[in-house]
C-alpha cells in the first residue's frame, strides 16, 4: 500500500507551521494579571472584564453618597456574577479615604472568590495623590509616585475573628503622635474600635469563615488630624437587629430605621419607649463622640445615614449591605484622653 503523496506531506507541513499556539486559560487562583502574548488568549481574558466607571466625587459625604453606593453596588453585583472587574477612576475629581476603604473591602471580599480586579487611576493630580498615599495601592499593587511612598497612612490588612486586636495598638500610638506630638495610648479609642470589631465578628456574618473587616487610617501632619474608617460587608446593623423583638417594637414607635438607630447609639430607646435594650454595644461607640475622644462621627448601614456633627439622620434610597464608620481626631478633641508611653 502506497504512503501519503508528496503533495499531501507538503500540505500537512504547512498546517503545522501555521498552527496557532495553545490557547491560554488563566487559573482560577491567579491573583495577578500576567496577560499572555497570544492575541486570542489576551482577547479572551479581556472580554471577561466588566468596565465600571467611578463617579466624579468618590466621597461618602451626604451630598455624594448615593452615587458612590450605586457604584459599590455595581462592583458587588458584577463580581458576584463572576465578572472580572475593570474599575475606571480616571474621571474622579474628588476622592476620600473612607470611600477607598469601602471599595477595597468589597474588592478584597471578591478576591476570596477568585474575582480579578484591575483599574485606572484618576487623571486629576490631587485625587491620584490621595489614592496613592492612602494605603489602597499597597493592597492592589501598582506604581506609587516617590512623593506618596513615605506615608503613615494605612488600610489595615483584612481582619478576621482570629486577628489580634494588638495590631491596632501601634496605629493608635501613631495617631496620637500626629495630633498631640507624642506617641501615646488612648484606651477609649482602642475600646471603641474593639466594640466595632466585636460587632462585626459576633453579629454581622452568618459564618466565621466570612468574617472580614477593614480599618483605614489617614494622617494629615500639617493639620494635626487623623481620619479613621472602619468597614465590614456583613449584614448591616439594622438588618441584624431587625430579628430582635424589642427592636421591631421600637421601630414601630420611631417610624423609621434612621431615627431608631440614632436613639440606639444615644441609648435613648429605653428613655423614650420604656423598652430595656442597649443595642449591641452601640452606646459604647457613641461615648467616644460625646466624650470628645473623636469628632465628625458618621455611620452608614443598610438604608441609614447618620452624621452626628451635621445633624443628618436620614434613610437613603441605596442600600449598603454592611456597616461603615467614619470619624476624626484633631486638636478639638479631649487632650486628656491620651497617655504618653
C-alpha atoms as a PDB file:
ATOM      1  CA  UNK A   1       0.000   0.000   0.000  1.00  0.00           C
ATOM      2  CA  UNK A   2       1.400   3.323  -1.031  1.00  0.00           C
ATOM      3  CA  UNK A   3       2.063   6.013   1.673  1.00  0.00           C
ATOM      4  CA  UNK A   4       0.960   9.662   1.515  1.00  0.00           C
ATOM      5  CA  UNK A   5       1.841  11.510  -1.642  1.00  0.00           C
ATOM      6  CA  UNK A   6       4.484  14.213  -1.677  1.00  0.00           C
ATOM      7  CA  UNK A   7       1.735  16.833  -2.158  1.00  0.00           C
ATOM      8  CA  UNK A   8      -0.158  15.618   0.955  1.00  0.00           C
ATOM      9  CA  UNK A   9       3.050  15.727   3.038  1.00  0.00           C
ATOM     10  CA  UNK A  10       3.688  19.322   1.966  1.00  0.00           C
ATOM     11  CA  UNK A  11       0.126  20.392   2.942  1.00  0.00           C
ATOM     12  CA  UNK A  12       0.491  18.768   6.371  1.00  0.00           C
ATOM     13  CA  UNK A  13       3.840  20.511   6.945  1.00  0.00           C
ATOM     14  CA  UNK A  14       2.329  23.925   6.050  1.00  0.00           C
ATOM     15  CA  UNK A  15      -0.526  23.375   8.542  1.00  0.00           C
ATOM     16  CA  UNK A  16       1.913  22.535  11.346  1.00  0.00           C
ATOM     17  CA  UNK A  17       3.955  25.647  10.666  1.00  0.00           C
ATOM     18  CA  UNK A  18       0.909  27.936  10.851  1.00  0.00           C
ATOM     19  CA  UNK A  19      -0.883  26.237  13.709  1.00  0.00           C
ATOM     20  CA  UNK A  20      -1.848  28.721  16.500  1.00  0.00           C
ATOM     21  CA  UNK A  21      -0.229  28.249  19.883  1.00  0.00           C
ATOM     22  CA  UNK A  22      -2.285  26.506  22.580  1.00  0.00           C
ATOM     23  CA  UNK A  23      -4.918  28.845  23.970  1.00  0.00           C
ATOM     24  CA  UNK A  24      -4.077  30.278  27.387  1.00  0.00           C
ATOM     25  CA  UNK A  25      -6.633  29.864  30.174  1.00  0.00           C
ATOM     26  CA  UNK A  26      -5.808  31.598  33.452  1.00  0.00           C
ATOM     27  CA  UNK A  27      -6.069  29.528  36.616  1.00  0.00           C
ATOM     28  CA  UNK A  28      -8.915  30.423  38.945  1.00  0.00           C
ATOM     29  CA  UNK A  29      -6.422  31.025  41.750  1.00  0.00           C
ATOM     30  CA  UNK A  30      -4.417  33.530  39.744  1.00  0.00           C
ATOM     31  CA  UNK A  31      -4.174  36.814  41.625  1.00  0.00           C
ATOM     32  CA  UNK A  32      -2.057  38.951  39.280  1.00  0.00           C
ATOM     33  CA  UNK A  33      -2.808  39.903  35.704  1.00  0.00           C
ATOM     34  CA  UNK A  34       0.060  38.336  33.745  1.00  0.00           C
ATOM     35  CA  UNK A  35      -1.501  38.702  30.313  1.00  0.00           C
ATOM     36  CA  UNK A  36      -0.316  36.236  27.664  1.00  0.00           C
ATOM     37  CA  UNK A  37       1.281  37.492  24.465  1.00  0.00           C
ATOM     38  CA  UNK A  38      -1.061  35.408  22.295  1.00  0.00           C
ATOM     39  CA  UNK A  39      -3.743  37.693  20.802  1.00  0.00           C
ATOM     40  CA  UNK A  40      -6.656  35.255  21.087  1.00  0.00           C
ATOM     41  CA  UNK A  41      -5.820  34.457  24.698  1.00  0.00           C
ATOM     42  CA  UNK A  42      -5.471  38.145  25.547  1.00  0.00           C
ATOM     43  CA  UNK A  43      -8.854  38.933  23.997  1.00  0.00           C
ATOM     44  CA  UNK A  44     -10.454  36.000  25.801  1.00  0.00           C
ATOM     45  CA  UNK A  45      -9.241  37.303  29.173  1.00  0.00           C
ATOM     46  CA  UNK A  46     -10.025  40.936  28.362  1.00  0.00           C
ATOM     47  CA  UNK A  47     -13.598  40.049  27.427  1.00  0.00           C
ATOM     48  CA  UNK A  48     -14.190  38.662  30.909  1.00  0.00           C
ATOM     49  CA  UNK A  49     -13.683  42.133  32.448  1.00  0.00           C
ATOM     50  CA  UNK A  50     -16.636  44.392  33.145  1.00  0.00           C
ATOM     51  CA  UNK A  51     -15.695  48.080  32.975  1.00  0.00           C
ATOM     52  CA  UNK A  52     -17.262  50.159  35.739  1.00  0.00           C
ATOM     53  CA  UNK A  53     -16.822  53.934  35.796  1.00  0.00           C
ATOM     54  CA  UNK A  54     -16.466  55.554  39.218  1.00  0.00           C
ATOM     55  CA  UNK A  55     -18.374  58.793  39.948  1.00  0.00           C
ATOM     56  CA  UNK A  56     -16.511  62.096  39.807  1.00  0.00           C
ATOM     57  CA  UNK A  57     -16.939  62.595  43.555  1.00  0.00           C
ATOM     58  CA  UNK A  58     -15.699  59.392  45.188  1.00  0.00           C
ATOM     59  CA  UNK A  59     -16.568  60.516  48.704  1.00  0.00           C
ATOM     60  CA  UNK A  60     -19.164  59.381  51.244  1.00  0.00           C
ATOM     61  CA  UNK A  61     -20.275  62.882  52.232  1.00  0.00           C
ATOM     62  CA  UNK A  62     -24.065  63.081  52.266  1.00  0.00           C
ATOM     63  CA  UNK A  63     -24.340  65.051  49.013  1.00  0.00           C
ATOM     64  CA  UNK A  64     -22.439  62.386  47.071  1.00  0.00           C
ATOM     65  CA  UNK A  65     -23.087  59.174  48.998  1.00  0.00           C
ATOM     66  CA  UNK A  66     -25.862  57.807  46.762  1.00  0.00           C
ATOM     67  CA  UNK A  67     -23.716  57.837  43.605  1.00  0.00           C
ATOM     68  CA  UNK A  68     -20.849  56.148  45.438  1.00  0.00           C
ATOM     69  CA  UNK A  69     -23.133  53.484  46.936  1.00  0.00           C
ATOM     70  CA  UNK A  70     -24.578  52.815  43.464  1.00  0.00           C
ATOM     71  CA  UNK A  71     -21.024  52.289  42.199  1.00  0.00           C
ATOM     72  CA  UNK A  72     -20.212  49.985  45.136  1.00  0.00           C
ATOM     73  CA  UNK A  73     -23.423  48.028  44.489  1.00  0.00           C
ATOM     74  CA  UNK A  74     -22.417  47.528  40.838  1.00  0.00           C
ATOM     75  CA  UNK A  75     -18.988  46.265  41.878  1.00  0.00           C
ATOM     76  CA  UNK A  76     -20.657  43.724  44.178  1.00  0.00           C
ATOM     77  CA  UNK A  77     -23.308  42.727  41.618  1.00  0.00           C
ATOM     78  CA  UNK A  78     -20.998  42.049  38.696  1.00  0.00           C
ATOM     79  CA  UNK A  79     -18.342  40.472  40.907  1.00  0.00           C
ATOM     80  CA  UNK A  80     -20.878  38.058  42.389  1.00  0.00           C
ATOM     81  CA  UNK A  81     -21.954  37.179  38.836  1.00  0.00           C
ATOM     82  CA  UNK A  82     -18.415  36.044  38.111  1.00  0.00           C
ATOM     83  CA  UNK A  83     -17.173  39.012  36.067  1.00  0.00           C
ATOM     84  CA  UNK A  84     -13.615  40.222  36.400  1.00  0.00           C
ATOM     85  CA  UNK A  85     -13.690  43.964  37.085  1.00  0.00           C
ATOM     86  CA  UNK A  86     -12.046  46.941  35.405  1.00  0.00           C
ATOM     87  CA  UNK A  87     -12.527  49.869  37.796  1.00  0.00           C
ATOM     88  CA  UNK A  88     -12.121  53.112  35.879  1.00  0.00           C
ATOM     89  CA  UNK A  89     -11.287  56.026  38.221  1.00  0.00           C
ATOM     90  CA  UNK A  90      -9.925  58.340  35.524  1.00  0.00           C
ATOM     91  CA  UNK A  91     -12.827  60.823  35.795  1.00  0.00           C
ATOM     92  CA  UNK A  92     -12.640  61.101  39.586  1.00  0.00           C
ATOM     93  CA  UNK A  93     -12.068  64.715  40.681  1.00  0.00           C
ATOM     94  CA  UNK A  94     -12.611  64.400  44.446  1.00  0.00           C
ATOM     95  CA  UNK A  95     -11.603  61.309  46.384  1.00  0.00           C
ATOM     96  CA  UNK A  96     -11.739  60.450  50.088  1.00  0.00           C
ATOM     97  CA  UNK A  97     -10.078  57.732  52.121  1.00  0.00           C
ATOM     98  CA  UNK A  98     -13.366  56.440  53.545  1.00  0.00           C
ATOM     99  CA  UNK A  99     -14.748  55.622  50.111  1.00  0.00           C
ATOM    100  CA  UNK A 100     -11.457  53.925  49.230  1.00  0.00           C
ATOM    101  CA  UNK A 101     -11.650  51.769  52.363  1.00  0.00           C
ATOM    102  CA  UNK A 102     -15.219  50.760  51.457  1.00  0.00           C
ATOM    103  CA  UNK A 103     -14.219  49.968  47.866  1.00  0.00           C
ATOM    104  CA  UNK A 104     -11.186  47.975  48.979  1.00  0.00           C
ATOM    105  CA  UNK A 105     -13.308  45.954  51.402  1.00  0.00           C
ATOM    106  CA  UNK A 106     -15.535  44.863  48.504  1.00  0.00           C
ATOM    107  CA  UNK A 107     -12.576  44.108  46.220  1.00  0.00           C
ATOM    108  CA  UNK A 108     -10.941  42.026  48.927  1.00  0.00           C
ATOM    109  CA  UNK A 109     -14.155  40.086  49.527  1.00  0.00           C
ATOM    110  CA  UNK A 110     -14.471  39.338  45.792  1.00  0.00           C
ATOM    111  CA  UNK A 111     -10.819  38.266  45.566  1.00  0.00           C
ATOM    112  CA  UNK A 112     -11.624  35.475  48.003  1.00  0.00           C
ATOM    113  CA  UNK A 113     -13.887  34.138  45.250  1.00  0.00           C
ATOM    114  CA  UNK A 114     -11.112  34.422  42.638  1.00  0.00           C
ATOM    115  CA  UNK A 115     -12.504  37.582  41.022  1.00  0.00           C
ATOM    116  CA  UNK A 116      -9.695  39.611  39.441  1.00  0.00           C
ATOM    117  CA  UNK A 117      -9.745  43.408  39.572  1.00  0.00           C
ATOM    118  CA  UNK A 118      -7.733  45.973  37.658  1.00  0.00           C
ATOM    119  CA  UNK A 119      -8.212  49.675  37.147  1.00  0.00           C
ATOM    120  CA  UNK A 120      -7.054  53.124  36.103  1.00  0.00           C
ATOM    121  CA  UNK A 121      -6.042  55.921  38.459  1.00  0.00           C
ATOM    122  CA  UNK A 122      -7.604  59.399  38.409  1.00  0.00           C
ATOM    123  CA  UNK A 123      -6.095  61.815  35.915  1.00  0.00           C
ATOM    124  CA  UNK A 124      -6.690  64.586  38.459  1.00  0.00           C
ATOM    125  CA  UNK A 125      -3.337  65.007  40.232  1.00  0.00           C
ATOM    126  CA  UNK A 126      -4.743  65.770  43.693  1.00  0.00           C
ATOM    127  CA  UNK A 127      -7.112  62.782  43.555  1.00  0.00           C
ATOM    128  CA  UNK A 128      -4.326  60.499  42.320  1.00  0.00           C
ATOM    129  CA  UNK A 129      -2.040  61.599  45.153  1.00  0.00           C
ATOM    130  CA  UNK A 130      -4.699  60.817  47.769  1.00  0.00           C
ATOM    131  CA  UNK A 131      -5.269  57.401  46.189  1.00  0.00           C
ATOM    132  CA  UNK A 132      -1.563  56.549  46.150  1.00  0.00           C
ATOM    133  CA  UNK A 133      -0.899  57.791  49.692  1.00  0.00           C
ATOM    134  CA  UNK A 134      -3.990  56.171  51.243  1.00  0.00           C
ATOM    135  CA  UNK A 135      -2.649  52.623  51.537  1.00  0.00           C
ATOM    136  CA  UNK A 136      -5.044  51.427  48.809  1.00  0.00           C
ATOM    137  CA  UNK A 137      -2.213  50.681  46.381  1.00  0.00           C
ATOM    138  CA  UNK A 138      -0.393  48.583  48.991  1.00  0.00           C
ATOM    139  CA  UNK A 139      -3.236  46.093  48.716  1.00  0.00           C
ATOM    140  CA  UNK A 140      -3.946  46.443  44.983  1.00  0.00           C
ATOM    141  CA  UNK A 141      -0.422  46.664  43.630  1.00  0.00           C
ATOM    142  CA  UNK A 142       0.743  49.160  41.024  1.00  0.00           C
ATOM    143  CA  UNK A 143       3.164  52.046  40.907  1.00  0.00           C
ATOM    144  CA  UNK A 144       3.275  54.798  43.528  1.00  0.00           C
ATOM    145  CA  UNK A 145       4.991  58.140  42.935  1.00  0.00           C
ATOM    146  CA  UNK A 146       8.011  58.674  45.190  1.00  0.00           C
ATOM    147  CA  UNK A 147       6.344  61.650  46.925  1.00  0.00           C
ATOM    148  CA  UNK A 148       3.468  59.376  48.056  1.00  0.00           C
ATOM    149  CA  UNK A 149       5.554  56.424  49.255  1.00  0.00           C
ATOM    150  CA  UNK A 150       6.643  57.628  52.697  1.00  0.00           C
ATOM    151  CA  UNK A 151       3.208  57.872  54.285  1.00  0.00           C
ATOM    152  CA  UNK A 152       1.883  56.863  57.711  1.00  0.00           C
ATOM    153  CA  UNK A 153      -1.486  56.208  56.075  1.00  0.00           C
ATOM    154  CA  UNK A 154      -2.667  52.651  56.103  1.00  0.00           C
ATOM    155  CA  UNK A 155      -5.649  50.445  55.339  1.00  0.00           C
ATOM    156  CA  UNK A 156      -5.059  47.543  57.674  1.00  0.00           C
ATOM    157  CA  UNK A 157      -5.000  44.129  56.093  1.00  0.00           C
ATOM    158  CA  UNK A 158      -8.386  42.494  56.306  1.00  0.00           C
ATOM    159  CA  UNK A 159      -9.046  41.346  59.826  1.00  0.00           C
ATOM    160  CA  UNK A 160     -10.837  38.202  60.891  1.00  0.00           C
ATOM    161  CA  UNK A 161     -12.155  36.855  64.158  1.00  0.00           C
ATOM    162  CA  UNK A 162      -8.670  35.500  64.847  1.00  0.00           C
ATOM    163  CA  UNK A 163      -6.912  38.822  64.170  1.00  0.00           C
ATOM    164  CA  UNK A 164      -5.464  40.009  67.445  1.00  0.00           C
ATOM    165  CA  UNK A 165      -6.526  43.488  68.483  1.00  0.00           C
ATOM    166  CA  UNK A 166      -2.877  44.310  69.218  1.00  0.00           C
ATOM    167  CA  UNK A 167      -2.369  45.190  65.544  1.00  0.00           C
ATOM    168  CA  UNK A 168      -4.402  48.322  66.288  1.00  0.00           C
ATOM    169  CA  UNK A 169      -2.195  49.495  69.162  1.00  0.00           C
ATOM    170  CA  UNK A 170       0.758  50.845  67.097  1.00  0.00           C
ATOM    171  CA  UNK A 171      -1.691  52.672  64.802  1.00  0.00           C
ATOM    172  CA  UNK A 172      -3.286  54.365  67.820  1.00  0.00           C
ATOM    173  CA  UNK A 173       0.211  55.402  69.006  1.00  0.00           C
ATOM    174  CA  UNK A 174       0.922  56.974  65.599  1.00  0.00           C
ATOM    175  CA  UNK A 175      -2.433  58.767  65.545  1.00  0.00           C
ATOM    176  CA  UNK A 176      -1.767  60.339  68.938  1.00  0.00           C
ATOM    177  CA  UNK A 177       1.660  61.416  67.710  1.00  0.00           C
ATOM    178  CA  UNK A 178       0.169  63.138  64.659  1.00  0.00           C
ATOM    179  CA  UNK A 179      -2.433  65.016  66.727  1.00  0.00           C
ATOM    180  CA  UNK A 180      -0.643  65.712  70.027  1.00  0.00           C
ATOM    181  CA  UNK A 181       3.039  65.463  69.068  1.00  0.00           C
ATOM    182  CA  UNK A 182       3.964  62.340  71.034  1.00  0.00           C
ATOM    183  CA  UNK A 183       3.163  58.648  70.811  1.00  0.00           C
ATOM    184  CA  UNK A 184       0.551  57.756  73.401  1.00  0.00           C
ATOM    185  CA  UNK A 185      -2.093  55.290  74.482  1.00  0.00           C
ATOM    186  CA  UNK A 186      -5.779  56.135  74.111  1.00  0.00           C
ATOM    187  CA  UNK A 187      -7.816  53.450  75.913  1.00  0.00           C
ATOM    188  CA  UNK A 188     -11.188  54.963  74.964  1.00  0.00           C
ATOM    189  CA  UNK A 189     -10.343  54.957  71.244  1.00  0.00           C
ATOM    190  CA  UNK A 190      -8.965  51.442  71.466  1.00  0.00           C
ATOM    191  CA  UNK A 191     -12.108  50.291  73.285  1.00  0.00           C
ATOM    192  CA  UNK A 192     -14.439  51.883  70.738  1.00  0.00           C
ATOM    193  CA  UNK A 193     -12.671  50.244  67.783  1.00  0.00           C
ATOM    194  CA  UNK A 194     -12.719  46.972  69.713  1.00  0.00           C
ATOM    195  CA  UNK A 195     -16.512  47.266  70.025  1.00  0.00           C
ATOM    196  CA  UNK A 196     -16.787  47.683  66.256  1.00  0.00           C
ATOM    197  CA  UNK A 197     -14.654  44.563  65.800  1.00  0.00           C
ATOM    198  CA  UNK A 198     -16.778  42.554  68.214  1.00  0.00           C
ATOM    199  CA  UNK A 199     -19.994  43.632  66.491  1.00  0.00           C
ATOM    200  CA  UNK A 200     -18.571  42.551  63.122  1.00  0.00           C
ATOM    201  CA  UNK A 201     -17.286  39.237  64.426  1.00  0.00           C
ATOM    202  CA  UNK A 202     -20.266  38.335  66.613  1.00  0.00           C
ATOM    203  CA  UNK A 203     -23.250  39.652  64.698  1.00  0.00           C
ATOM    204  CA  UNK A 204     -22.540  40.772  61.114  1.00  0.00           C
ATOM    205  CA  UNK A 205     -21.743  37.472  59.386  1.00  0.00           C
ATOM    206  CA  UNK A 206     -23.580  34.175  59.108  1.00  0.00           C
ATOM    207  CA  UNK A 207     -20.448  32.020  59.481  1.00  0.00           C
ATOM    208  CA  UNK A 208     -16.987  32.589  60.949  1.00  0.00           C
ATOM    209  CA  UNK A 209     -15.164  31.956  57.676  1.00  0.00           C
ATOM    210  CA  UNK A 210     -16.902  35.005  56.140  1.00  0.00           C
ATOM    211  CA  UNK A 211     -15.767  37.473  58.824  1.00  0.00           C
ATOM    212  CA  UNK A 212     -13.776  40.357  57.350  1.00  0.00           C
ATOM    213  CA  UNK A 213     -13.263  44.000  58.275  1.00  0.00           C
ATOM    214  CA  UNK A 214     -11.043  46.901  57.234  1.00  0.00           C
ATOM    215  CA  UNK A 215      -9.634  49.812  59.206  1.00  0.00           C
ATOM    216  CA  UNK A 216      -8.373  52.784  57.204  1.00  0.00           C
ATOM    217  CA  UNK A 217      -6.195  55.445  58.853  1.00  0.00           C
ATOM    218  CA  UNK A 218      -5.199  58.697  57.148  1.00  0.00           C
ATOM    219  CA  UNK A 219      -2.799  61.231  58.693  1.00  0.00           C
ATOM    220  CA  UNK A 220      -2.647  64.959  57.990  1.00  0.00           C
ATOM    221  CA  UNK A 221       0.508  66.158  59.722  1.00  0.00           C
ATOM    222  CA  UNK A 222       0.006  69.816  58.742  1.00  0.00           C
ATOM    223  CA  UNK A 223      -3.455  69.962  60.340  1.00  0.00           C
ATOM    224  CA  UNK A 224      -2.644  67.658  63.274  1.00  0.00           C
ATOM    225  CA  UNK A 225      -5.574  65.422  62.387  1.00  0.00           C
ATOM    226  CA  UNK A 226      -6.207  61.759  61.667  1.00  0.00           C
ATOM    227  CA  UNK A 227      -9.181  60.248  59.827  1.00  0.00           C
ATOM    228  CA  UNK A 228     -10.423  56.734  60.583  1.00  0.00           C
ATOM    229  CA  UNK A 229     -12.710  54.488  58.524  1.00  0.00           C
ATOM    230  CA  UNK A 230     -13.986  51.123  59.717  1.00  0.00           C
ATOM    231  CA  UNK A 231     -15.987  48.965  57.316  1.00  0.00           C
ATOM    232  CA  UNK A 232     -17.331  45.439  57.021  1.00  0.00           C
ATOM    233  CA  UNK A 233     -19.515  43.848  54.343  1.00  0.00           C
ATOM    234  CA  UNK A 234     -21.720  41.900  56.720  1.00  0.00           C
ATOM    235  CA  UNK A 235     -25.491  42.120  57.109  1.00  0.00           C
ATOM    236  CA  UNK A 236     -25.557  45.661  58.452  1.00  0.00           C
ATOM    237  CA  UNK A 237     -26.715  46.881  61.852  1.00  0.00           C
ATOM    238  CA  UNK A 238     -30.426  47.364  61.154  1.00  0.00           C
ATOM    239  CA  UNK A 239     -30.685  44.087  59.255  1.00  0.00           C
ATOM    240  CA  UNK A 240     -29.033  42.237  62.142  1.00  0.00           C
ATOM    241  CA  UNK A 241     -31.128  43.912  64.821  1.00  0.00           C
ATOM    242  CA  UNK A 242     -34.419  43.548  62.934  1.00  0.00           C
ATOM    243  CA  UNK A 243     -34.637  39.986  64.270  1.00  0.00           C
ATOM    244  CA  UNK A 244     -34.865  41.341  67.808  1.00  0.00           C
ATOM    245  CA  UNK A 245     -38.452  41.639  69.082  1.00  0.00           C
ATOM    246  CA  UNK A 246     -37.714  44.774  71.137  1.00  0.00           C
ATOM    247  CA  UNK A 247     -36.080  46.426  68.123  1.00  0.00           C
ATOM    248  CA  UNK A 248     -39.126  45.684  65.944  1.00  0.00           C
ATOM    249  CA  UNK A 249     -41.452  47.047  68.602  1.00  0.00           C
ATOM    250  CA  UNK A 250     -39.340  50.196  68.976  1.00  0.00           C
ATOM    251  CA  UNK A 251     -39.217  50.725  65.217  1.00  0.00           C
ATOM    252  CA  UNK A 252     -42.987  50.990  65.093  1.00  0.00           C
ATOM    253  CA  UNK A 253     -42.753  53.809  67.637  1.00  0.00           C
ATOM    254  CA  UNK A 254     -39.879  55.673  65.932  1.00  0.00           C
ATOM    255  CA  UNK A 255     -41.274  55.268  62.426  1.00  0.00           C
ATOM    256  CA  UNK A 256     -38.042  54.539  60.512  1.00  0.00           C
ATOM    257  CA  UNK A 257     -34.642  52.899  60.895  1.00  0.00           C
ATOM    258  CA  UNK A 258     -32.685  56.164  60.905  1.00  0.00           C
ATOM    259  CA  UNK A 259     -34.464  57.689  63.910  1.00  0.00           C
ATOM    260  CA  UNK A 260     -34.362  54.387  65.771  1.00  0.00           C
ATOM    261  CA  UNK A 261     -30.665  53.783  65.105  1.00  0.00           C
ATOM    262  CA  UNK A 262     -29.815  57.310  66.254  1.00  0.00           C
ATOM    263  CA  UNK A 263     -31.637  56.582  69.523  1.00  0.00           C
ATOM    264  CA  UNK A 264     -29.834  53.241  69.810  1.00  0.00           C
ATOM    265  CA  UNK A 265     -26.442  54.951  69.611  1.00  0.00           C
ATOM    266  CA  UNK A 266     -27.521  57.615  72.069  1.00  0.00           C
ATOM    267  CA  UNK A 267     -29.001  54.946  74.398  1.00  0.00           C
ATOM    268  CA  UNK A 268     -32.326  56.730  74.125  1.00  0.00           C
ATOM    269  CA  UNK A 269     -34.587  53.811  73.328  1.00  0.00           C
ATOM    270  CA  UNK A 270     -35.356  52.952  76.956  1.00  0.00           C
ATOM    271  CA  UNK A 271     -35.981  56.556  77.989  1.00  0.00           C
ATOM    272  CA  UNK A 272     -38.279  57.217  75.033  1.00  0.00           C
ATOM    273  CA  UNK A 273     -40.149  53.900  74.876  1.00  0.00           C
ATOM    274  CA  UNK A 274     -39.679  52.174  78.230  1.00  0.00           C
ATOM    275  CA  UNK A 275     -38.154  49.203  76.406  1.00  0.00           C
ATOM    276  CA  UNK A 276     -34.948  47.956  78.043  1.00  0.00           C
ATOM    277  CA  UNK A 277     -32.370  47.351  75.317  1.00  0.00           C
ATOM    278  CA  UNK A 278     -28.782  48.524  74.829  1.00  0.00           C
ATOM    279  CA  UNK A 279     -28.293  47.766  71.155  1.00  0.00           C
ATOM    280  CA  UNK A 280     -25.230  45.566  70.734  1.00  0.00           C
ATOM    281  CA  UNK A 281     -22.748  47.967  72.341  1.00  0.00           C
ATOM    282  CA  UNK A 282     -23.639  50.927  70.107  1.00  0.00           C
ATOM    283  CA  UNK A 283     -23.737  53.387  73.056  1.00  0.00           C
ATOM    284  CA  UNK A 284     -20.121  52.417  73.861  1.00  0.00           C
ATOM    285  CA  UNK A 285     -19.092  53.549  70.391  1.00  0.00           C
ATOM    286  CA  UNK A 286     -21.139  56.741  70.693  1.00  0.00           C
ATOM    287  CA  UNK A 287     -19.498  57.579  74.036  1.00  0.00           C
ATOM    288  CA  UNK A 288     -16.234  58.217  72.168  1.00  0.00           C
ATOM    289  CA  UNK A 289     -18.092  61.025  70.396  1.00  0.00           C
ATOM    290  CA  UNK A 290     -19.924  62.512  73.391  1.00  0.00           C
ATOM    291  CA  UNK A 291     -16.719  62.404  75.481  1.00  0.00           C
ATOM    292  CA  UNK A 292     -14.904  64.256  72.659  1.00  0.00           C
ATOM    293  CA  UNK A 293     -12.396  61.474  72.141  1.00  0.00           C
ATOM    294  CA  UNK A 294     -13.379  61.705  68.464  1.00  0.00           C
ATOM    295  CA  UNK A 295     -15.309  64.124  66.252  1.00  0.00           C
ATOM    296  CA  UNK A 296     -17.194  64.052  62.919  1.00  0.00           C
ATOM    297  CA  UNK A 297     -18.816  60.650  63.557  1.00  0.00           C
ATOM    298  CA  UNK A 298     -20.643  59.211  60.511  1.00  0.00           C
ATOM    299  CA  UNK A 299     -22.422  55.841  60.289  1.00  0.00           C
ATOM    300  CA  UNK A 300     -23.736  54.225  57.085  1.00  0.00           C
ATOM    301  CA  UNK A 301     -25.526  50.886  57.321  1.00  0.00           C
ATOM    302  CA  UNK A 302     -28.299  49.328  55.243  1.00  0.00           C
ATOM    303  CA  UNK A 303     -30.628  52.244  54.376  1.00  0.00           C
ATOM    304  CA  UNK A 304     -29.445  54.576  57.154  1.00  0.00           C
ATOM    305  CA  UNK A 305     -27.090  57.573  57.009  1.00  0.00           C
ATOM    306  CA  UNK A 306     -26.146  59.280  60.292  1.00  0.00           C
ATOM    307  CA  UNK A 307     -23.851  62.322  60.532  1.00  0.00           C
ATOM    308  CA  UNK A 308     -23.892  63.426  64.166  1.00  0.00           C
ATOM    309  CA  UNK A 309     -21.862  66.625  63.618  1.00  0.00           C
ATOM    310  CA  UNK A 310     -24.168  67.853  60.853  1.00  0.00           C
ATOM    311  CA  UNK A 311     -27.375  66.515  62.413  1.00  0.00           C
ATOM    312  CA  UNK A 312     -28.149  64.373  59.338  1.00  0.00           C
ATOM    313  CA  UNK A 313     -30.441  61.494  60.338  1.00  0.00           C
ATOM    314  CA  UNK A 314     -31.760  60.061  57.087  1.00  0.00           C
ATOM    315  CA  UNK A 315     -32.991  56.922  55.407  1.00  0.00           C
ATOM    316  CA  UNK A 316     -31.378  56.632  51.969  1.00  0.00           C
ATOM    317  CA  UNK A 317     -32.582  55.094  48.714  1.00  0.00           C
ATOM    318  CA  UNK A 318     -29.498  52.969  48.033  1.00  0.00           C
ATOM    319  CA  UNK A 319     -28.857  50.157  50.481  1.00  0.00           C
ATOM    320  CA  UNK A 320     -25.341  49.401  51.739  1.00  0.00           C
ATOM    321  CA  UNK A 321     -25.156  45.789  52.846  1.00  0.00           C
ATOM    322  CA  UNK A 322     -22.621  46.237  55.608  1.00  0.00           C
ATOM    323  CA  UNK A 323     -21.537  48.809  58.189  1.00  0.00           C
ATOM    324  CA  UNK A 324     -19.305  51.843  57.744  1.00  0.00           C
ATOM    325  CA  UNK A 325     -17.973  54.169  60.461  1.00  0.00           C
ATOM    326  CA  UNK A 326     -16.005  57.365  59.903  1.00  0.00           C
ATOM    327  CA  UNK A 327     -14.507  59.704  62.486  1.00  0.00           C
ATOM    328  CA  UNK A 328     -11.652  62.146  63.076  1.00  0.00           C
ATOM    329  CA  UNK A 329      -9.275  63.015  65.865  1.00  0.00           C
ATOM    330  CA  UNK A 330      -7.862  66.538  65.909  1.00  0.00           C
ATOM    331  CA  UNK A 331      -6.971  69.386  68.266  1.00  0.00           C
ATOM    332  CA  UNK A 332     -10.658  69.989  69.092  1.00  0.00           C
ATOM    333  CA  UNK A 333     -10.799  66.594  70.832  1.00  0.00           C
ATOM    334  CA  UNK A 334     -10.205  65.951  74.539  1.00  0.00           C
ATOM    335  CA  UNK A 335      -6.441  66.332  75.191  1.00  0.00           C
ATOM    336  CA  UNK A 336      -6.507  64.446  78.497  1.00  0.00           C
ATOM    337  CA  UNK A 337      -7.778  61.190  76.971  1.00  0.00           C
ATOM    338  CA  UNK A 338      -4.346  60.040  75.844  1.00  0.00           C
ATOM    339  CA  UNK A 339      -1.422  58.883  77.977  1.00  0.00           C
ATOM    340  CA  UNK A 340       2.167  59.192  76.688  1.00  0.00           C
ATOM    341  CA  UNK A 341       4.105  55.923  76.516  1.00  0.00           C
END
